[in-house]
Amino acid sequence: GWPGYKDEDGDGFPDNFLPEIVLASGSN
């Protein structure tokens, strides 16, 4: 499902960089 990042102030950056649901990412 979609992660919980939101940009309510419209500055181009997520307002919260650690929502409950985040991207499952890694490096090879």
PDB file of all heavy atoms in Angstrom:
ATOM      1  N   GLY A   1       0.816  -1.209   0.000  1.00  0.00           N
ATOM      2  CA  GLY A   1       0.000   0.000   0.000  1.00  0.00           C
ATOM      3  C   GLY A   1       0.849   1.258   0.000  1.00  0.00           C
ATOM      4  O   GLY A   1       2.049   1.245   0.295  1.00  0.00           O
ATOM      5  N   TRP A   2       0.220   2.374  -0.312  1.00  0.00           N
ATOM      6  CA  TRP A   2       0.947   3.642  -0.410  1.00  0.00           C
ATOM      7  C   TRP A   2       1.520   4.046   0.952  1.00  0.00           C
ATOM      8  O   TRP A   2       0.863   3.895   1.978  1.00  0.00           O
ATOM      9  CB  TRP A   2       0.022   4.743  -0.914  1.00  0.00           C
ATOM     10  CG  TRP A   2      -0.318   4.581  -2.363  1.00  0.00           C
ATOM     11  CD1 TRP A   2      -1.385   3.910  -2.873  1.00  0.00           C
ATOM     12  CD2 TRP A   2       0.432   5.066  -3.474  1.00  0.00           C
ATOM     13  NE1 TRP A   2      -1.362   3.948  -4.244  1.00  0.00           N
ATOM     14  CE2 TRP A   2      -0.254   4.653  -4.640  1.00  0.00           C
ATOM     15  CE3 TRP A   2       1.604   5.801  -3.605  1.00  0.00           C
ATOM     16  CZ2 TRP A   2       0.200   4.969  -5.923  1.00  0.00           C
ATOM     17  CZ3 TRP A   2       2.059   6.117  -4.876  1.00  0.00           C
ATOM     18  CH2 TRP A   2       1.367   5.701  -6.010  1.00  0.00           C
ATOM     19  N   PRO A   3       2.744   4.561   0.950  1.00  0.00           N
ATOM     20  CA  PRO A   3       3.316   5.067   2.210  1.00  0.00           C
ATOM     21  C   PRO A   3       2.594   6.326   2.646  1.00  0.00           C
ATOM     22  O   PRO A   3       1.831   6.934   1.878  1.00  0.00           O
ATOM     23  CB  PRO A   3       4.773   5.342   1.845  1.00  0.00           C
ATOM     24  CG  PRO A   3       4.751   5.598   0.372  1.00  0.00           C
ATOM     25  CD  PRO A   3       3.669   4.723  -0.188  1.00  0.00           C
ATOM     26  N   GLY A   4       2.837   6.745   3.885  1.00  0.00           N
ATOM     27  CA  GLY A   4       2.064   7.838   4.477  1.00  0.00           C
ATOM     28  C   GLY A   4       2.677   9.221   4.341  1.00  0.00           C
ATOM     29  O   GLY A   4       2.327  10.114   5.115  1.00  0.00           O
ATOM     30  N   TYR A   5       3.566   9.437   3.382  1.00  0.00           N
ATOM     31  CA  TYR A   5       4.171  10.759   3.221  1.00  0.00           C
ATOM     32  C   TYR A   5       3.138  11.758   2.700  1.00  0.00           C
ATOM     33  O   TYR A   5       2.370  11.463   1.787  1.00  0.00           O
ATOM     34  CB  TYR A   5       5.344  10.692   2.245  1.00  0.00           C
ATOM     35  CG  TYR A   5       6.390   9.676   2.619  1.00  0.00           C
ATOM     36  CD1 TYR A   5       6.484   8.462   1.928  1.00  0.00           C
ATOM     37  CD2 TYR A   5       7.280   9.916   3.658  1.00  0.00           C
ATOM     38  CE1 TYR A   5       7.440   7.523   2.270  1.00  0.00           C
ATOM     39  CE2 TYR A   5       8.245   8.979   4.003  1.00  0.00           C
ATOM     40  CZ  TYR A   5       8.317   7.787   3.306  1.00  0.00           C
ATOM     41  OH  TYR A   5       9.268   6.851   3.643  1.00  0.00           O
ATOM     42  N   LYS A   6       3.152  12.966   3.272  1.00  0.00           N
ATOM     43  CA  LYS A   6       2.242  14.021   2.836  1.00  0.00           C
ATOM     44  C   LYS A   6       2.994  15.342   2.791  1.00  0.00           C
ATOM     45  O   LYS A   6       3.930  15.565   3.562  1.00  0.00           O
ATOM     46  CB  LYS A   6       1.043  14.137   3.784  1.00  0.00           C
ATOM     47  CG  LYS A   6       0.071  12.967   3.716  1.00  0.00           C
ATOM     48  CD  LYS A   6      -1.105  13.158   4.662  1.00  0.00           C
ATOM     49  CE  LYS A   6      -2.168  12.095   4.455  1.00  0.00           C
ATOM     50  NZ  LYS A   6      -1.640  10.716   4.587  1.00  0.00           N
ATOM     51  N   ASP A   7       2.575  16.193   1.876  1.00  0.00           N
ATOM     52  CA  ASP A   7       3.160  17.530   1.749  1.00  0.00           C
ATOM     53  C   ASP A   7       2.030  18.550   1.830  1.00  0.00           C
ATOM     54  O   ASP A   7       1.593  19.108   0.829  1.00  0.00           O
ATOM     55  CB  ASP A   7       3.915  17.657   0.419  1.00  0.00           C
ATOM     56  CG  ASP A   7       4.491  19.052   0.195  1.00  0.00           C
ATOM     57  OD1 ASP A   7       4.673  19.778   1.189  1.00  0.00           O
ATOM     58  OD2 ASP A   7       4.751  19.415  -0.974  1.00  0.00           O
ATOM     59  N   GLU A   8       1.563  18.787   3.052  1.00  0.00           N
ATOM     60  CA  GLU A   8       0.428  19.682   3.238  1.00  0.00           C
ATOM     61  C   GLU A   8       0.797  21.144   3.028  1.00  0.00           C
ATOM     62  O   GLU A   8      -0.029  21.955   2.603  1.00  0.00           O
ATOM     63  CB  GLU A   8      -0.155  19.503   4.643  1.00  0.00           C
ATOM     64  CG  GLU A   8      -0.679  18.095   4.930  1.00  0.00           C
ATOM     65  CD  GLU A   8      -1.846  17.706   4.032  1.00  0.00           C
ATOM     66  OE1 GLU A   8      -2.434  18.599   3.393  1.00  0.00           O
ATOM     67  OE2 GLU A   8      -2.164  16.499   3.969  1.00  0.00           O
ATOM     68  N   ASP A   9       2.060  21.526   3.316  1.00  0.00           N
ATOM     69  CA  ASP A   9       2.439  22.937   3.167  1.00  0.00           C
ATOM     70  C   ASP A   9       2.901  23.276   1.754  1.00  0.00           C
ATOM     71  O   ASP A   9       3.186  24.431   1.442  1.00  0.00           O
ATOM     72  CB  ASP A   9       3.524  23.323   4.182  1.00  0.00           C
ATOM     73  CG  ASP A   9       4.798  22.501   4.039  1.00  0.00           C
ATOM     74  OD1 ASP A   9       4.900  21.709   3.078  1.00  0.00           O
ATOM     75  OD2 ASP A   9       5.687  22.658   4.900  1.00  0.00           O
ATOM     76  N   GLY A  10       2.990  22.274   0.863  1.00  0.00           N
ATOM     77  CA  GLY A  10       3.280  22.528  -0.536  1.00  0.00           C
ATOM     78  C   GLY A  10       4.691  22.988  -0.837  1.00  0.00           C
ATOM     79  O   GLY A  10       4.936  23.585  -1.892  1.00  0.00           O
ATOM     80  N   ASP A  11       5.655  22.675   0.036  1.00  0.00           N
ATOM     81  CA  ASP A  11       7.025  23.114  -0.223  1.00  0.00           C
ATOM     82  C   ASP A  11       7.824  22.104  -1.035  1.00  0.00           C
ATOM     83  O   ASP A  11       9.006  22.309  -1.317  1.00  0.00           O
ATOM     84  CB  ASP A  11       7.758  23.407   1.090  1.00  0.00           C
ATOM     85  CG  ASP A  11       7.960  22.161   1.959  1.00  0.00           C
ATOM     86  OD1 ASP A  11       7.392  21.095   1.632  1.00  0.00           O
ATOM     87  OD2 ASP A  11       8.681  22.276   2.972  1.00  0.00           O
ATOM     88  N   GLY A  12       7.186  20.997  -1.423  1.00  0.00           N
ATOM     89  CA  GLY A  12       7.857  19.988  -2.224  1.00  0.00           C
ATOM     90  C   GLY A  12       8.470  18.873  -1.421  1.00  0.00           C
ATOM     91  O   GLY A  12       8.921  17.871  -1.995  1.00  0.00           O
ATOM     92  N   PHE A  13       8.505  19.004  -0.093  1.00  0.00           N
ATOM     93  CA  PHE A  13       9.099  18.008   0.788  1.00  0.00           C
ATOM     94  C   PHE A  13       8.009  17.351   1.638  1.00  0.00           C
ATOM     95  O   PHE A  13       7.040  18.006   2.026  1.00  0.00           O
ATOM     96  CB  PHE A  13      10.126  18.644   1.722  1.00  0.00           C
ATOM     97  CG  PHE A  13      11.327  19.209   1.028  1.00  0.00           C
ATOM     98  CD1 PHE A  13      11.329  20.521   0.576  1.00  0.00           C
ATOM     99  CD2 PHE A  13      12.464  18.439   0.828  1.00  0.00           C
ATOM    100  CE1 PHE A  13      12.434  21.059  -0.060  1.00  0.00           C
ATOM    101  CE2 PHE A  13      13.577  18.961   0.197  1.00  0.00           C
ATOM    102  CZ  PHE A  13      13.564  20.270  -0.253  1.00  0.00           C
ATOM    103  N   PRO A  14       8.165  16.072   1.973  1.00  0.00           N
ATOM    104  CA  PRO A  14       7.227  15.462   2.918  1.00  0.00           C
ATOM    105  C   PRO A  14       7.272  16.199   4.256  1.00  0.00           C
ATOM    106  O   PRO A  14       8.342  16.606   4.720  1.00  0.00           O
ATOM    107  CB  PRO A  14       7.758  14.033   3.061  1.00  0.00           C
ATOM    108  CG  PRO A  14       8.586  13.789   1.854  1.00  0.00           C
ATOM    109  CD  PRO A  14       9.179  15.111   1.492  1.00  0.00           C
ATOM    110  N   ASP A  15       6.115  16.376   4.858  1.00  0.00           N
ATOM    111  CA  ASP A  15       6.067  17.020   6.174  1.00  0.00           C
ATOM    112  C   ASP A  15       6.588  16.084   7.255  1.00  0.00           C
ATOM    113  O   ASP A  15       7.105  16.542   8.279  1.00  0.00           O
ATOM    114  CB  ASP A  15       4.626  17.424   6.499  1.00  0.00           C
ATOM    115  CG  ASP A  15       4.044  18.360   5.448  1.00  0.00           C
ATOM    116  OD1 ASP A  15       4.798  19.189   4.906  1.00  0.00           O
ATOM    117  OD2 ASP A  15       2.839  18.235   5.161  1.00  0.00           O
ATOM    118  N   ASN A  16       6.440  14.791   7.040  1.00  0.00           N
ATOM    119  CA  ASN A  16       6.876  13.797   8.010  1.00  0.00           C
ATOM    120  C   ASN A  16       7.671  12.727   7.275  1.00  0.00           C
ATOM    121  O   ASN A  16       7.152  12.054   6.384  1.00  0.00           O
ATOM    122  CB  ASN A  16       5.667  13.162   8.706  1.00  0.00           C
ATOM    123  CG  ASN A  16       6.065  12.094   9.710  1.00  0.00           C
ATOM    124  OD1 ASN A  16       7.240  11.906  10.001  1.00  0.00           O
ATOM    125  ND2 ASN A  16       5.075  11.378  10.232  1.00  0.00           N
ATOM    126  N   PHE A  17       8.952  12.596   7.620  1.00  0.00           N
ATOM    127  CA  PHE A  17       9.788  11.613   6.951  1.00  0.00           C
ATOM    128  C   PHE A  17       9.704  10.229   7.580  1.00  0.00           C
ATOM    129  O   PHE A  17      10.377   9.309   7.132  1.00  0.00           O
ATOM    130  CB  PHE A  17      11.246  12.087   6.925  1.00  0.00           C
ATOM    131  CG  PHE A  17      11.574  12.960   5.745  1.00  0.00           C
ATOM    132  CD1 PHE A  17      11.261  14.310   5.749  1.00  0.00           C
ATOM    133  CD2 PHE A  17      12.183  12.429   4.623  1.00  0.00           C
ATOM    134  CE1 PHE A  17      11.556  15.112   4.660  1.00  0.00           C
ATOM    135  CE2 PHE A  17      12.479  13.219   3.526  1.00  0.00           C
ATOM    136  CZ  PHE A  17      12.166  14.570   3.541  1.00  0.00           C
ATOM    137  N   LEU A  18       8.885  10.058   8.608  1.00  0.00           N
ATOM    138  CA  LEU A  18       8.731   8.738   9.217  1.00  0.00           C
ATOM    139  C   LEU A  18       7.264   8.484   9.558  1.00  0.00           C
ATOM    140  O   LEU A  18       6.879   8.401  10.723  1.00  0.00           O
ATOM    141  CB  LEU A  18       9.609   8.604  10.468  1.00  0.00           C
ATOM    142  CG  LEU A  18       9.751   7.160  10.993  1.00  0.00           C
ATOM    143  CD1 LEU A  18      10.487   6.280   9.982  1.00  0.00           C
ATOM    144  CD2 LEU A  18      10.472   7.157  12.326  1.00  0.00           C
ATOM    145  N   PRO A  19       6.428   8.318   8.537  1.00  0.00           N
ATOM    146  CA  PRO A  19       5.058   7.892   8.816  1.00  0.00           C
ATOM    147  C   PRO A  19       5.042   6.417   9.216  1.00  0.00           C
ATOM    148  O   PRO A  19       6.074   5.731   9.192  1.00  0.00           O
ATOM    149  CB  PRO A  19       4.356   8.107   7.474  1.00  0.00           C
ATOM    150  CG  PRO A  19       5.449   7.942   6.462  1.00  0.00           C
ATOM    151  CD  PRO A  19       6.683   8.500   7.103  1.00  0.00           C
ATOM    152  N   GLU A  20       3.883   5.920   9.586  1.00  0.00           N
ATOM    153  CA  GLU A  20       3.801   4.520  10.001  1.00  0.00           C
ATOM    154  C   GLU A  20       4.186   3.586   8.858  1.00  0.00           C
ATOM    155  O   GLU A  20       4.938   2.627   9.045  1.00  0.00           O
ATOM    156  CB  GLU A  20       2.385   4.194  10.483  1.00  0.00           C
ATOM    157  CG  GLU A  20       2.223   2.745  10.937  1.00  0.00           C
ATOM    158  CD  GLU A  20       0.828   2.449  11.439  1.00  0.00           C
ATOM    159  OE1 GLU A  20      -0.025   3.368  11.425  1.00  0.00           O
ATOM    160  OE2 GLU A  20       0.570   1.297  11.851  1.00  0.00           O
ATOM    161  N   ILE A  21       3.674   3.862   7.667  1.00  0.00           N
ATOM    162  CA  ILE A  21       3.987   3.052   6.495  1.00  0.00           C
ATOM    163  C   ILE A  21       5.022   3.802   5.664  1.00  0.00           C
ATOM    164  O   ILE A  21       4.793   4.931   5.233  1.00  0.00           O
ATOM    165  CB  ILE A  21       2.743   2.779   5.635  1.00  0.00           C
ATOM    166  CG1 ILE A  21       1.623   2.187   6.504  1.00  0.00           C
ATOM    167  CG2 ILE A  21       3.091   1.851   4.474  1.00  0.00           C
ATOM    168  CD1 ILE A  21       1.974   0.872   7.140  1.00  0.00           C
ATOM    169  N   VAL A  22       6.178   3.176   5.445  1.00  0.00           N
ATOM    170  CA  VAL A  22       7.258   3.788   4.680  1.00  0.00           C
ATOM    171  C   VAL A  22       7.614   2.880   3.515  1.00  0.00           C
ATOM    172  O   VAL A  22       7.079   1.775   3.362  1.00  0.00           O
ATOM    173  CB  VAL A  22       8.499   4.045   5.565  1.00  0.00           C
ATOM    174  CG1 VAL A  22       8.168   5.000   6.703  1.00  0.00           C
ATOM    175  CG2 VAL A  22       9.052   2.734   6.124  1.00  0.00           C
ATOM    176  N   LEU A  23       8.529   3.338   2.699  1.00  0.00           N
ATOM    177  CA  LEU A  23       8.986   2.550   1.562  1.00  0.00           C
ATOM    178  C   LEU A  23       9.882   1.410   2.049  1.00  0.00           C
ATOM    179  O   LEU A  23      10.813   1.629   2.821  1.00  0.00           O
ATOM    180  CB  LEU A  23       9.759   3.428   0.585  1.00  0.00           C
ATOM    181  CG  LEU A  23       8.970   4.564  -0.069  1.00  0.00           C
ATOM    182  CD1 LEU A  23       9.905   5.467  -0.862  1.00  0.00           C
ATOM    183  CD2 LEU A  23       7.883   4.000  -0.973  1.00  0.00           C
ATOM    184  N   ALA A  24       9.604   0.206   1.591  1.00  0.00           N
ATOM    185  CA  ALA A  24      10.497  -0.927   1.852  1.00  0.00           C
ATOM    186  C   ALA A  24      11.598  -0.869   0.802  1.00  0.00           C
ATOM    187  O   ALA A  24      11.385  -1.202  -0.367  1.00  0.00           O
ATOM    188  CB  ALA A  24       9.742  -2.242   1.770  1.00  0.00           C
ATOM    189  N   SER A  25      12.760  -0.398   1.211  1.00  0.00           N
ATOM    190  CA  SER A  25      13.843  -0.169   0.263  1.00  0.00           C
ATOM    191  C   SER A  25      15.108  -0.834   0.762  1.00  0.00           C
ATOM    192  O   SER A  25      15.248  -1.180   1.929  1.00  0.00           O
ATOM    193  CB  SER A  25      14.072   1.329   0.077  1.00  0.00           C
ATOM    194  OG  SER A  25      14.344   1.955   1.318  1.00  0.00           O
ATOM    195  N   GLY A  26      16.037  -1.000  -0.141  1.00  0.00           N
ATOM    196  CA  GLY A  26      17.318  -1.587   0.205  1.00  0.00           C
ATOM    197  C   GLY A  26      18.283  -1.425  -0.942  1.00  0.00           C
ATOM    198  O   GLY A  26      17.957  -0.847  -1.983  1.00  0.00           O
ATOM    199  N   SER A  27      19.482  -1.917  -0.735  1.00  0.00           N
ATOM    200  CA  SER A  27      20.519  -1.839  -1.756  1.00  0.00           C
ATOM    201  C   SER A  27      20.995  -3.246  -2.078  1.00  0.00           C
ATOM    202  O   SER A  27      20.964  -4.132  -1.225  1.00  0.00           O
ATOM    203  CB  SER A  27      21.696  -0.989  -1.260  1.00  0.00           C
ATOM    204  OG  SER A  27      22.692  -0.882  -2.249  1.00  0.00           O
ATOM    205  N   ASN A  28      21.443  -3.444  -3.302  1.00  0.00           N
ATOM    206  CA  ASN A  28      21.862  -4.793  -3.689  1.00  0.00           C
ATOM    207  C   ASN A  28      23.285  -5.116  -3.269  1.00  0.00           C
ATOM    208  O   ASN A  28      23.808  -6.180  -3.594  1.00  0.00           O
ATOM    209  CB  ASN A  28      21.690  -5.017  -5.197  1.00  0.00           C
ATOM    210  CG  ASN A  28      22.624  -4.152  -6.037  1.00  0.00           C
ATOM    211  OD1 ASN A  28      23.545  -3.511  -5.534  1.00  0.00           O
ATOM    212  ND2 ASN A  28      22.379  -4.127  -7.337  1.00  0.00           N
TER     213      ASN A  28
END
